[in-house]
Amino acid sequence: FINVQYDACCQELVSFSDKYGVKIHNF
């Protein structure tokens, strides 16, 4: 899964991964 969300969501993705163990790749 690749992030194409164009606003500032880096911290949201980190928190989401820590909580649910789901990796969303963010370049």
mmCIF file of all heavy atoms, coordinates in Angstrom:
data_MODEL
# 
_entry.id   MODEL 
# 
loop_
_atom_site.group_PDB 
_atom_site.id 
_atom_site.type_symbol 
_atom_site.label_atom_id 
_atom_site.label_alt_id 
_atom_site.label_comp_id 
_atom_site.label_asym_id 
_atom_site.label_entity_id 
_atom_site.label_seq_id 
_atom_site.pdbx_PDB_ins_code 
_atom_site.Cartn_x 
_atom_site.Cartn_y 
_atom_site.Cartn_z 
_atom_site.occupancy 
_atom_site.B_iso_or_equiv 
_atom_site.pdbx_formal_charge 
_atom_site.auth_seq_id 
_atom_site.auth_comp_id 
_atom_site.auth_asym_id 
_atom_site.auth_atom_id 
_atom_site.pdbx_PDB_model_num 
ATOM 1   N N   . PHE A 1 1  ? 0.852  -1.196 0.000  1.00 0.00 ? 1  PHE A N   1 
ATOM 2   C CA  . PHE A 1 1  ? 0.000  0.000  0.000  1.00 0.00 ? 1  PHE A CA  1 
ATOM 3   C C   . PHE A 1 1  ? 0.882  1.238  0.000  1.00 0.00 ? 1  PHE A C   1 
ATOM 4   O O   . PHE A 1 1  ? 1.817  1.369  0.801  1.00 0.00 ? 1  PHE A O   1 
ATOM 5   C CB  . PHE A 1 1  ? -0.938 -0.006 1.207  1.00 0.00 ? 1  PHE A CB  1 
ATOM 6   C CG  . PHE A 1 1  ? -2.012 -1.053 1.107  1.00 0.00 ? 1  PHE A CG  1 
ATOM 7   C CD1 . PHE A 1 1  ? -1.900 -2.248 1.813  1.00 0.00 ? 1  PHE A CD1 1 
ATOM 8   C CD2 . PHE A 1 1  ? -3.114 -0.856 0.289  1.00 0.00 ? 1  PHE A CD2 1 
ATOM 9   C CE1 . PHE A 1 1  ? -2.874 -3.223 1.711  1.00 0.00 ? 1  PHE A CE1 1 
ATOM 10  C CE2 . PHE A 1 1  ? -4.093 -1.835 0.178  1.00 0.00 ? 1  PHE A CE2 1 
ATOM 11  C CZ  . PHE A 1 1  ? -3.969 -3.021 0.894  1.00 0.00 ? 1  PHE A CZ  1 
ATOM 12  N N   . ILE A 1 2  ? 0.581  2.168  -0.907 1.00 0.00 ? 2  ILE A N   1 
ATOM 13  C CA  . ILE A 1 2  ? 1.395  3.360  -1.126 1.00 0.00 ? 2  ILE A CA  1 
ATOM 14  C C   . ILE A 1 2  ? 0.566  4.599  -0.773 1.00 0.00 ? 2  ILE A C   1 
ATOM 15  O O   . ILE A 1 2  ? -0.575 4.741  -1.235 1.00 0.00 ? 2  ILE A O   1 
ATOM 16  C CB  . ILE A 1 2  ? 1.843  3.472  -2.606 1.00 0.00 ? 2  ILE A CB  1 
ATOM 17  C CG1 . ILE A 1 2  ? 2.340  2.127  -3.142 1.00 0.00 ? 2  ILE A CG1 1 
ATOM 18  C CG2 . ILE A 1 2  ? 2.877  4.579  -2.767 1.00 0.00 ? 2  ILE A CG2 1 
ATOM 19  C CD1 . ILE A 1 2  ? 3.574  1.592  -2.481 1.00 0.00 ? 2  ILE A CD1 1 
ATOM 20  N N   . ASN A 1 3  ? 1.127  5.498  0.007  1.00 0.00 ? 3  ASN A N   1 
ATOM 21  C CA  . ASN A 1 3  ? 0.443  6.734  0.331  1.00 0.00 ? 3  ASN A CA  1 
ATOM 22  C C   . ASN A 1 3  ? 0.472  7.692  -0.856 1.00 0.00 ? 3  ASN A C   1 
ATOM 23  O O   . ASN A 1 3  ? 1.539  8.010  -1.377 1.00 0.00 ? 3  ASN A O   1 
ATOM 24  C CB  . ASN A 1 3  ? 1.107  7.404  1.537  1.00 0.00 ? 3  ASN A CB  1 
ATOM 25  C CG  . ASN A 1 3  ? 0.546  8.797  1.794  1.00 0.00 ? 3  ASN A CG  1 
ATOM 26  O OD1 . ASN A 1 3  ? -0.661 8.986  1.797  1.00 0.00 ? 3  ASN A OD1 1 
ATOM 27  N ND2 . ASN A 1 3  ? 1.434  9.767  1.982  1.00 0.00 ? 3  ASN A ND2 1 
ATOM 28  N N   . VAL A 1 4  ? -0.713 8.157  -1.294 1.00 0.00 ? 4  VAL A N   1 
ATOM 29  C CA  . VAL A 1 4  ? -0.770 9.229  -2.287 1.00 0.00 ? 4  VAL A CA  1 
ATOM 30  C C   . VAL A 1 4  ? -1.520 10.439 -1.716 1.00 0.00 ? 4  VAL A C   1 
ATOM 31  O O   . VAL A 1 4  ? -1.929 11.331 -2.448 1.00 0.00 ? 4  VAL A O   1 
ATOM 32  C CB  . VAL A 1 4  ? -1.437 8.751  -3.598 1.00 0.00 ? 4  VAL A CB  1 
ATOM 33  C CG1 . VAL A 1 4  ? -0.628 7.640  -4.234 1.00 0.00 ? 4  VAL A CG1 1 
ATOM 34  C CG2 . VAL A 1 4  ? -2.881 8.293  -3.374 1.00 0.00 ? 4  VAL A CG2 1 
ATOM 35  N N   . GLN A 1 5  ? -1.674 10.457 -0.395 1.00 0.00 ? 5  GLN A N   1 
ATOM 36  C CA  . GLN A 1 5  ? -2.327 11.562 0.310  1.00 0.00 ? 5  GLN A CA  1 
ATOM 37  C C   . GLN A 1 5  ? -1.374 12.745 0.334  1.00 0.00 ? 5  GLN A C   1 
ATOM 38  O O   . GLN A 1 5  ? -0.262 12.645 0.831  1.00 0.00 ? 5  GLN A O   1 
ATOM 39  C CB  . GLN A 1 5  ? -2.666 11.122 1.741  1.00 0.00 ? 5  GLN A CB  1 
ATOM 40  C CG  . GLN A 1 5  ? -3.325 12.157 2.591  1.00 0.00 ? 5  GLN A CG  1 
ATOM 41  C CD  . GLN A 1 5  ? -4.764 12.366 2.187  1.00 0.00 ? 5  GLN A CD  1 
ATOM 42  O OE1 . GLN A 1 5  ? -5.480 11.407 1.938  1.00 0.00 ? 5  GLN A OE1 1 
ATOM 43  N NE2 . GLN A 1 5  ? -5.179 13.603 2.110  1.00 0.00 ? 5  GLN A NE2 1 
ATOM 44  N N   . TYR A 1 6  ? -1.801 13.908 -0.175 1.00 0.00 ? 6  TYR A N   1 
ATOM 45  C CA  . TYR A 1 6  ? -0.835 14.977 -0.392 1.00 0.00 ? 6  TYR A CA  1 
ATOM 46  C C   . TYR A 1 6  ? -0.711 15.981 0.744  1.00 0.00 ? 6  TYR A C   1 
ATOM 47  O O   . TYR A 1 6  ? 0.022  16.946 0.622  1.00 0.00 ? 6  TYR A O   1 
ATOM 48  C CB  . TYR A 1 6  ? -1.124 15.727 -1.698 1.00 0.00 ? 6  TYR A CB  1 
ATOM 49  C CG  . TYR A 1 6  ? -2.503 16.336 -1.813 1.00 0.00 ? 6  TYR A CG  1 
ATOM 50  C CD1 . TYR A 1 6  ? -2.831 17.527 -1.184 1.00 0.00 ? 6  TYR A CD1 1 
ATOM 51  C CD2 . TYR A 1 6  ? -3.473 15.723 -2.602 1.00 0.00 ? 6  TYR A CD2 1 
ATOM 52  C CE1 . TYR A 1 6  ? -4.079 18.083 -1.313 1.00 0.00 ? 6  TYR A CE1 1 
ATOM 53  C CE2 . TYR A 1 6  ? -4.734 16.277 -2.743 1.00 0.00 ? 6  TYR A CE2 1 
ATOM 54  C CZ  . TYR A 1 6  ? -5.030 17.470 -2.101 1.00 0.00 ? 6  TYR A CZ  1 
ATOM 55  O OH  . TYR A 1 6  ? -6.286 18.020 -2.224 1.00 0.00 ? 6  TYR A OH  1 
ATOM 56  N N   . ASP A 1 7  ? -1.407 15.773 1.851  1.00 0.00 ? 7  ASP A N   1 
ATOM 57  C CA  . ASP A 1 7  ? -1.178 16.692 2.965  1.00 0.00 ? 7  ASP A CA  1 
ATOM 58  C C   . ASP A 1 7  ? -0.205 16.058 3.955  1.00 0.00 ? 7  ASP A C   1 
ATOM 59  O O   . ASP A 1 7  ? 0.298  14.955 3.752  1.00 0.00 ? 7  ASP A O   1 
ATOM 60  C CB  . ASP A 1 7  ? -2.500 17.061 3.649  1.00 0.00 ? 7  ASP A CB  1 
ATOM 61  C CG  . ASP A 1 7  ? -3.182 15.868 4.282  1.00 0.00 ? 7  ASP A CG  1 
ATOM 62  O OD1 . ASP A 1 7  ? -2.687 14.737 4.086  1.00 0.00 ? 7  ASP A OD1 1 
ATOM 63  O OD2 . ASP A 1 7  ? -4.210 16.062 4.958  1.00 0.00 ? 7  ASP A OD2 1 
ATOM 64  N N   . ALA A 1 8  ? 0.100  16.786 5.025  1.00 0.00 ? 8  ALA A N   1 
ATOM 65  C CA  . ALA A 1 8  ? 1.064  16.306 6.011  1.00 0.00 ? 8  ALA A CA  1 
ATOM 66  C C   . ALA A 1 8  ? 0.448  15.175 6.827  1.00 0.00 ? 8  ALA A C   1 
ATOM 67  O O   . ALA A 1 8  ? -0.374 15.404 7.712  1.00 0.00 ? 8  ALA A O   1 
ATOM 68  C CB  . ALA A 1 8  ? 1.492  17.457 6.922  1.00 0.00 ? 8  ALA A CB  1 
ATOM 69  N N   . CYS A 1 9  ? 0.839  13.948 6.530  1.00 0.00 ? 9  CYS A N   1 
ATOM 70  C CA  . CYS A 1 9  ? 0.228  12.802 7.211  1.00 0.00 ? 9  CYS A CA  1 
ATOM 71  C C   . CYS A 1 9  ? 1.288  11.831 7.730  1.00 0.00 ? 9  CYS A C   1 
ATOM 72  O O   . CYS A 1 9  ? 0.944  10.695 8.085  1.00 0.00 ? 9  CYS A O   1 
ATOM 73  C CB  . CYS A 1 9  ? -0.738 12.087 6.274  1.00 0.00 ? 9  CYS A CB  1 
ATOM 74  S SG  . CYS A 1 9  ? 0.020  11.468 4.755  1.00 0.00 ? 9  CYS A SG  1 
ATOM 75  N N   . CYS A 1 10 ? 2.549  12.245 7.744  1.00 0.00 ? 10 CYS A N   1 
ATOM 76  C CA  . CYS A 1 10 ? 3.625  11.328 8.163  1.00 0.00 ? 10 CYS A CA  1 
ATOM 77  C C   . CYS A 1 10 ? 3.387  10.790 9.568  1.00 0.00 ? 10 CYS A C   1 
ATOM 78  O O   . CYS A 1 10 ? 3.494  9.581  9.810  1.00 0.00 ? 10 CYS A O   1 
ATOM 79  C CB  . CYS A 1 10 ? 4.979  12.037 8.092  1.00 0.00 ? 10 CYS A CB  1 
ATOM 80  S SG  . CYS A 1 10 ? 5.512  12.392 6.403  1.00 0.00 ? 10 CYS A SG  1 
ATOM 81  N N   . GLN A 1 11 ? 3.067  11.674 10.503 1.00 0.00 ? 11 GLN A N   1 
ATOM 82  C CA  . GLN A 1 11 ? 2.874  11.237 11.879 1.00 0.00 ? 11 GLN A CA  1 
ATOM 83  C C   . GLN A 1 11 ? 1.655  10.332 11.999 1.00 0.00 ? 11 GLN A C   1 
ATOM 84  O O   . GLN A 1 11 ? 1.660  9.357  12.763 1.00 0.00 ? 11 GLN A O   1 
ATOM 85  C CB  . GLN A 1 11 ? 2.720  12.453 12.806 1.00 0.00 ? 11 GLN A CB  1 
ATOM 86  C CG  . GLN A 1 11 ? 2.681  12.097 14.288 1.00 0.00 ? 11 GLN A CG  1 
ATOM 87  C CD  . GLN A 1 11 ? 3.864  11.271 14.733 1.00 0.00 ? 11 GLN A CD  1 
ATOM 88  O OE1 . GLN A 1 11 ? 5.014  11.664 14.507 1.00 0.00 ? 11 GLN A OE1 1 
ATOM 89  N NE2 . GLN A 1 11 ? 3.621  10.118 15.349 1.00 0.00 ? 11 GLN A NE2 1 
ATOM 90  N N   . GLU A 1 12 ? 0.611  10.633 11.233 1.00 0.00 ? 12 GLU A N   1 
ATOM 91  C CA  . GLU A 1 12 ? -0.584 9.795  11.250 1.00 0.00 ? 12 GLU A CA  1 
ATOM 92  C C   . GLU A 1 12 ? -0.258 8.381  10.782 1.00 0.00 ? 12 GLU A C   1 
ATOM 93  O O   . GLU A 1 12 ? -0.722 7.396  11.366 1.00 0.00 ? 12 GLU A O   1 
ATOM 94  C CB  . GLU A 1 12 ? -1.674 10.402 10.363 1.00 0.00 ? 12 GLU A CB  1 
ATOM 95  C CG  . GLU A 1 12 ? -2.966 9.607  10.349 1.00 0.00 ? 12 GLU A CG  1 
ATOM 96  C CD  . GLU A 1 12 ? -4.036 10.206 9.460  1.00 0.00 ? 12 GLU A CD  1 
ATOM 97  O OE1 . GLU A 1 12 ? -3.738 11.161 8.723  1.00 0.00 ? 12 GLU A OE1 1 
ATOM 98  O OE2 . GLU A 1 12 ? -5.174 9.703  9.489  1.00 0.00 ? 12 GLU A OE2 1 
ATOM 99  N N   . LEU A 1 13 ? 0.575  8.277  9.748  1.00 0.00 ? 13 LEU A N   1 
ATOM 100 C CA  . LEU A 1 13 ? 0.944  6.962  9.228  1.00 0.00 ? 13 LEU A CA  1 
ATOM 101 C C   . LEU A 1 13 ? 1.803  6.191  10.219 1.00 0.00 ? 13 LEU A C   1 
ATOM 102 O O   . LEU A 1 13 ? 1.645  4.973  10.378 1.00 0.00 ? 13 LEU A O   1 
ATOM 103 C CB  . LEU A 1 13 ? 1.684  7.113  7.896  1.00 0.00 ? 13 LEU A CB  1 
ATOM 104 C CG  . LEU A 1 13 ? 0.851  7.640  6.726  1.00 0.00 ? 13 LEU A CG  1 
ATOM 105 C CD1 . LEU A 1 13 ? 1.723  7.835  5.489  1.00 0.00 ? 13 LEU A CD1 1 
ATOM 106 C CD2 . LEU A 1 13 ? -0.301 6.697  6.422  1.00 0.00 ? 13 LEU A CD2 1 
ATOM 107 N N   . VAL A 1 14 ? 2.714  6.884  10.907 1.00 0.00 ? 14 VAL A N   1 
ATOM 108 C CA  . VAL A 1 14 ? 3.554  6.230  11.917 1.00 0.00 ? 14 VAL A CA  1 
ATOM 109 C C   . VAL A 1 14 ? 2.693  5.712  13.061 1.00 0.00 ? 14 VAL A C   1 
ATOM 110 O O   . VAL A 1 14 ? 2.824  4.561  13.504 1.00 0.00 ? 14 VAL A O   1 
ATOM 111 C CB  . VAL A 1 14 ? 4.629  7.198  12.435 1.00 0.00 ? 14 VAL A CB  1 
ATOM 112 C CG1 . VAL A 1 14 ? 5.348  6.600  13.642 1.00 0.00 ? 14 VAL A CG1 1 
ATOM 113 C CG2 . VAL A 1 14 ? 5.631  7.534  11.333 1.00 0.00 ? 14 VAL A CG2 1 
ATOM 114 N N   . SER A 1 15 ? 1.783  6.560  13.538 1.00 0.00 ? 15 SER A N   1 
ATOM 115 C CA  . SER A 1 15 ? 0.902  6.161  14.645 1.00 0.00 ? 15 SER A CA  1 
ATOM 116 C C   . SER A 1 15 ? 0.005  4.996  14.228 1.00 0.00 ? 15 SER A C   1 
ATOM 117 O O   . SER A 1 15 ? -0.230 4.066  15.012 1.00 0.00 ? 15 SER A O   1 
ATOM 118 C CB  . SER A 1 15 ? 0.038  7.353  15.085 1.00 0.00 ? 15 SER A CB  1 
ATOM 119 O OG  . SER A 1 15 ? 0.840  8.415  15.534 1.00 0.00 ? 15 SER A OG  1 
ATOM 120 N N   . PHE A 1 16 ? -0.485 5.049  13.000 1.00 0.00 ? 16 PHE A N   1 
ATOM 121 C CA  . PHE A 1 16 ? -1.351 3.983  12.496 1.00 0.00 ? 16 PHE A CA  1 
ATOM 122 C C   . PHE A 1 16 ? -0.595 2.662  12.433 1.00 0.00 ? 16 PHE A C   1 
ATOM 123 O O   . PHE A 1 16 ? -1.105 1.608  12.824 1.00 0.00 ? 16 PHE A O   1 
ATOM 124 C CB  . PHE A 1 16 ? -1.868 4.376  11.112 1.00 0.00 ? 16 PHE A CB  1 
ATOM 125 C CG  . PHE A 1 16 ? -2.895 3.447  10.549 1.00 0.00 ? 16 PHE A CG  1 
ATOM 126 C CD1 . PHE A 1 16 ? -4.219 3.512  10.941 1.00 0.00 ? 16 PHE A CD1 1 
ATOM 127 C CD2 . PHE A 1 16 ? -2.539 2.490  9.604  1.00 0.00 ? 16 PHE A CD2 1 
ATOM 128 C CE1 . PHE A 1 16 ? -5.167 2.651  10.419 1.00 0.00 ? 16 PHE A CE1 1 
ATOM 129 C CE2 . PHE A 1 16 ? -3.475 1.623  9.077  1.00 0.00 ? 16 PHE A CE2 1 
ATOM 130 C CZ  . PHE A 1 16 ? -4.799 1.702  9.487  1.00 0.00 ? 16 PHE A CZ  1 
ATOM 131 N N   . SER A 1 17 ? 0.644  2.711  11.957 1.00 0.00 ? 17 SER A N   1 
ATOM 132 C CA  . SER A 1 17 ? 1.469  1.499  11.867 1.00 0.00 ? 17 SER A CA  1 
ATOM 133 C C   . SER A 1 17 ? 1.765  0.938  13.249 1.00 0.00 ? 17 SER A C   1 
ATOM 134 O O   . SER A 1 17 ? 1.699  -0.282 13.473 1.00 0.00 ? 17 SER A O   1 
ATOM 135 C CB  . SER A 1 17 ? 2.769  1.811  11.129 1.00 0.00 ? 17 SER A CB  1 
ATOM 136 O OG  . SER A 1 17 ? 3.601  0.677  11.077 1.00 0.00 ? 17 SER A OG  1 
ATOM 137 N N   . ASP A 1 18 ? 2.095  1.811  14.199 1.00 0.00 ? 18 ASP A N   1 
ATOM 138 C CA  . ASP A 1 18 ? 2.400  1.367  15.568 1.00 0.00 ? 18 ASP A CA  1 
ATOM 139 C C   . ASP A 1 18 ? 1.184  0.717  16.219 1.00 0.00 ? 18 ASP A C   1 
ATOM 140 O O   . ASP A 1 18 ? 1.311  -0.271 16.957 1.00 0.00 ? 18 ASP A O   1 
ATOM 141 C CB  . ASP A 1 18 ? 2.872  2.551  16.412 1.00 0.00 ? 18 ASP A CB  1 
ATOM 142 C CG  . ASP A 1 18 ? 4.241  3.063  15.987 1.00 0.00 ? 18 ASP A CG  1 
ATOM 143 O OD1 . ASP A 1 18 ? 4.951  2.331  15.281 1.00 0.00 ? 18 ASP A OD1 1 
ATOM 144 O OD2 . ASP A 1 18 ? 4.593  4.202  16.363 1.00 0.00 ? 18 ASP A OD2 1 
ATOM 145 N N   . LYS A 1 19 ? 0.004  1.263  15.936 1.00 0.00 ? 19 LYS A N   1 
ATOM 146 C CA  . LYS A 1 19 ? -1.205 0.783  16.603 1.00 0.00 ? 19 LYS A CA  1 
ATOM 147 C C   . LYS A 1 19 ? -1.744 -0.500 15.991 1.00 0.00 ? 19 LYS A C   1 
ATOM 148 O O   . LYS A 1 19 ? -2.189 -1.415 16.694 1.00 0.00 ? 19 LYS A O   1 
ATOM 149 C CB  . LYS A 1 19 ? -2.280 1.877  16.553 1.00 0.00 ? 19 LYS A CB  1 
ATOM 150 C CG  . LYS A 1 19 ? -3.546 1.519  17.315 1.00 0.00 ? 19 LYS A CG  1 
ATOM 151 C CD  . LYS A 1 19 ? -4.511 2.707  17.343 1.00 0.00 ? 19 LYS A CD  1 
ATOM 152 C CE  . LYS A 1 19 ? -5.765 2.377  18.145 1.00 0.00 ? 19 LYS A CE  1 
ATOM 153 N NZ  . LYS A 1 19 ? -6.718 3.531  18.178 1.00 0.00 ? 19 LYS A NZ  1 
ATOM 154 N N   . TYR A 1 20 ? -1.683 -0.595 14.642 1.00 0.00 ? 20 TYR A N   1 
ATOM 155 C CA  . TYR A 1 20 ? -2.346 -1.712 13.965 1.00 0.00 ? 20 TYR A CA  1 
ATOM 156 C C   . TYR A 1 20 ? -1.382 -2.662 13.262 1.00 0.00 ? 20 TYR A C   1 
ATOM 157 O O   . TYR A 1 20 ? -1.817 -3.703 12.741 1.00 0.00 ? 20 TYR A O   1 
ATOM 158 C CB  . TYR A 1 20 ? -3.359 -1.181 12.947 1.00 0.00 ? 20 TYR A CB  1 
ATOM 159 C CG  . TYR A 1 20 ? -4.465 -0.369 13.565 1.00 0.00 ? 20 TYR A CG  1 
ATOM 160 C CD1 . TYR A 1 20 ? -4.500 1.012  13.429 1.00 0.00 ? 20 TYR A CD1 1 
ATOM 161 C CD2 . TYR A 1 20 ? -5.482 -0.980 14.305 1.00 0.00 ? 20 TYR A CD2 1 
ATOM 162 C CE1 . TYR A 1 20 ? -5.523 1.767  13.992 1.00 0.00 ? 20 TYR A CE1 1 
ATOM 163 C CE2 . TYR A 1 20 ? -6.502 -0.239 14.876 1.00 0.00 ? 20 TYR A CE2 1 
ATOM 164 C CZ  . TYR A 1 20 ? -6.518 1.137  14.714 1.00 0.00 ? 20 TYR A CZ  1 
ATOM 165 O OH  . TYR A 1 20 ? -7.519 1.874  15.277 1.00 0.00 ? 20 TYR A OH  1 
ATOM 166 N N   . GLY A 1 21 ? -0.111 -2.313 13.210 1.00 0.00 ? 21 GLY A N   1 
ATOM 167 C CA  . GLY A 1 21 ? 0.861  -3.169 12.550 1.00 0.00 ? 21 GLY A CA  1 
ATOM 168 C C   . GLY A 1 21 ? 0.709  -3.207 11.042 1.00 0.00 ? 21 GLY A C   1 
ATOM 169 O O   . GLY A 1 21 ? 1.108  -4.188 10.390 1.00 0.00 ? 21 GLY A O   1 
ATOM 170 N N   . VAL A 1 22 ? 0.146  -2.164 10.466 1.00 0.00 ? 22 VAL A N   1 
ATOM 171 C CA  . VAL A 1 22 ? -0.089 -2.085 9.018  1.00 0.00 ? 22 VAL A CA  1 
ATOM 172 C C   . VAL A 1 22 ? 0.902  -1.091 8.418  1.00 0.00 ? 22 VAL A C   1 
ATOM 173 O O   . VAL A 1 22 ? 1.020  0.038  8.888  1.00 0.00 ? 22 VAL A O   1 
ATOM 174 C CB  . VAL A 1 22 ? -1.531 -1.637 8.713  1.00 0.00 ? 22 VAL A CB  1 
ATOM 175 C CG1 . VAL A 1 22 ? -1.699 -1.353 7.223  1.00 0.00 ? 22 VAL A CG1 1 
ATOM 176 C CG2 . VAL A 1 22 ? -2.522 -2.692 9.171  1.00 0.00 ? 22 VAL A CG2 1 
ATOM 177 N N   . LYS A 1 23 ? 1.605  -1.525 7.391  1.00 0.00 ? 23 LYS A N   1 
ATOM 178 C CA  . LYS A 1 23 ? 2.600  -0.685 6.742  1.00 0.00 ? 23 LYS A CA  1 
ATOM 179 C C   . LYS A 1 23 ? 2.005  -0.012 5.509  1.00 0.00 ? 23 LYS A C   1 
ATOM 180 O O   . LYS A 1 23 ? 1.524  -0.685 4.589  1.00 0.00 ? 23 LYS A O   1 
ATOM 181 C CB  . LYS A 1 23 ? 3.811  -1.537 6.315  1.00 0.00 ? 23 LYS A CB  1 
ATOM 182 C CG  . LYS A 1 23 ? 4.869  -0.791 5.514  1.00 0.00 ? 23 LYS A CG  1 
ATOM 183 C CD  . LYS A 1 23 ? 5.595  0.245  6.341  1.00 0.00 ? 23 LYS A CD  1 
ATOM 184 C CE  . LYS A 1 23 ? 6.746  0.868  5.567  1.00 0.00 ? 23 LYS A CE  1 
ATOM 185 N NZ  . LYS A 1 23 ? 7.447  1.916  6.332  1.00 0.00 ? 23 LYS A NZ  1 
ATOM 186 N N   . ILE A 1 24 ? 2.026  1.324  5.499  1.00 0.00 ? 24 ILE A N   1 
ATOM 187 C CA  . ILE A 1 24 ? 1.666  2.102  4.314  1.00 0.00 ? 24 ILE A CA  1 
ATOM 188 C C   . ILE A 1 24 ? 2.933  2.828  3.874  1.00 0.00 ? 24 ILE A C   1 
ATOM 189 O O   . ILE A 1 24 ? 3.452  3.677  4.594  1.00 0.00 ? 24 ILE A O   1 
ATOM 190 C CB  . ILE A 1 24 ? 0.533  3.101  4.602  1.00 0.00 ? 24 ILE A CB  1 
ATOM 191 C CG1 . ILE A 1 24 ? -0.722 2.364  5.084  1.00 0.00 ? 24 ILE A CG1 1 
ATOM 192 C CG2 . ILE A 1 24 ? 0.216  3.932  3.361  1.00 0.00 ? 24 ILE A CG2 1 
ATOM 193 C CD1 . ILE A 1 24 ? -1.839 3.274  5.549  1.00 0.00 ? 24 ILE A CD1 1 
ATOM 194 N N   . HIS A 1 25 ? 3.456  2.456  2.720  1.00 0.00 ? 25 HIS A N   1 
ATOM 195 C CA  . HIS A 1 25 ? 4.725  3.015  2.254  1.00 0.00 ? 25 HIS A CA  1 
ATOM 196 C C   . HIS A 1 25 ? 4.541  4.497  1.913  1.00 0.00 ? 25 HIS A C   1 
ATOM 197 O O   . HIS A 1 25 ? 3.599  4.874  1.208  1.00 0.00 ? 25 HIS A O   1 
ATOM 198 C CB  . HIS A 1 25 ? 5.237  2.250  1.044  1.00 0.00 ? 25 HIS A CB  1 
ATOM 199 C CG  . HIS A 1 25 ? 5.514  0.809  1.338  1.00 0.00 ? 25 HIS A CG  1 
ATOM 200 N ND1 . HIS A 1 25 ? 6.717  0.364  1.853  1.00 0.00 ? 25 HIS A ND1 1 
ATOM 201 C CD2 . HIS A 1 25 ? 4.726  -0.297 1.211  1.00 0.00 ? 25 HIS A CD2 1 
ATOM 202 C CE1 . HIS A 1 25 ? 6.670  -0.945 2.019  1.00 0.00 ? 25 HIS A CE1 1 
ATOM 203 N NE2 . HIS A 1 25 ? 5.470  -1.373 1.635  1.00 0.00 ? 25 HIS A NE2 1 
ATOM 204 N N   . ASN A 1 26 ? 5.449  5.309  2.403  1.00 0.00 ? 26 ASN A N   1 
ATOM 205 C CA  . ASN A 1 26 ? 5.354  6.754  2.223  1.00 0.00 ? 26 ASN A CA  1 
ATOM 206 C C   . ASN A 1 26 ? 6.700  7.273  1.721  1.00 0.00 ? 26 ASN A C   1 
ATOM 207 O O   . ASN A 1 26 ? 7.686  7.293  2.460  1.00 0.00 ? 26 ASN A O   1 
ATOM 208 C CB  . ASN A 1 26 ? 4.985  7.426  3.554  1.00 0.00 ? 26 ASN A CB  1 
ATOM 209 C CG  . ASN A 1 26 ? 4.668  8.889  3.393  1.00 0.00 ? 26 ASN A CG  1 
ATOM 210 O OD1 . ASN A 1 26 ? 4.171  9.317  2.352  1.00 0.00 ? 26 ASN A OD1 1 
ATOM 211 N ND2 . ASN A 1 26 ? 4.959  9.677  4.418  1.00 0.00 ? 26 ASN A ND2 1 
ATOM 212 N N   . PHE A 1 27 ? 6.768  7.667  0.464  1.00 0.00 ? 27 PHE A N   1 
ATOM 213 C CA  . PHE A 1 27 ? 8.017  8.144  -0.136 1.00 0.00 ? 27 PHE A CA  1 
ATOM 214 C C   . PHE A 1 27 ? 8.168  9.633  0.172  1.00 0.00 ? 27 PHE A C   1 
ATOM 215 O O   . PHE A 1 27 ? 7.642  10.491 -0.548 1.00 0.00 ? 27 PHE A O   1 
ATOM 216 C CB  . PHE A 1 27 ? 8.007  7.884  -1.640 1.00 0.00 ? 27 PHE A CB  1 
ATOM 217 C CG  . PHE A 1 27 ? 7.969  6.422  -1.997 1.00 0.00 ? 27 PHE A CG  1 
ATOM 218 C CD1 . PHE A 1 27 ? 6.778  5.815  -2.362 1.00 0.00 ? 27 PHE A CD1 1 
ATOM 219 C CD2 . PHE A 1 27 ? 9.121  5.645  -1.938 1.00 0.00 ? 27 PHE A CD2 1 
ATOM 220 C CE1 . PHE A 1 27 ? 6.727  4.470  -2.689 1.00 0.00 ? 27 PHE A CE1 1 
ATOM 221 C CE2 . PHE A 1 27 ? 9.082  4.294  -2.262 1.00 0.00 ? 27 PHE A CE2 1 
ATOM 222 C CZ  . PHE A 1 27 ? 7.886  3.704  -2.633 1.00 0.00 ? 27 PHE A CZ  1 
# 
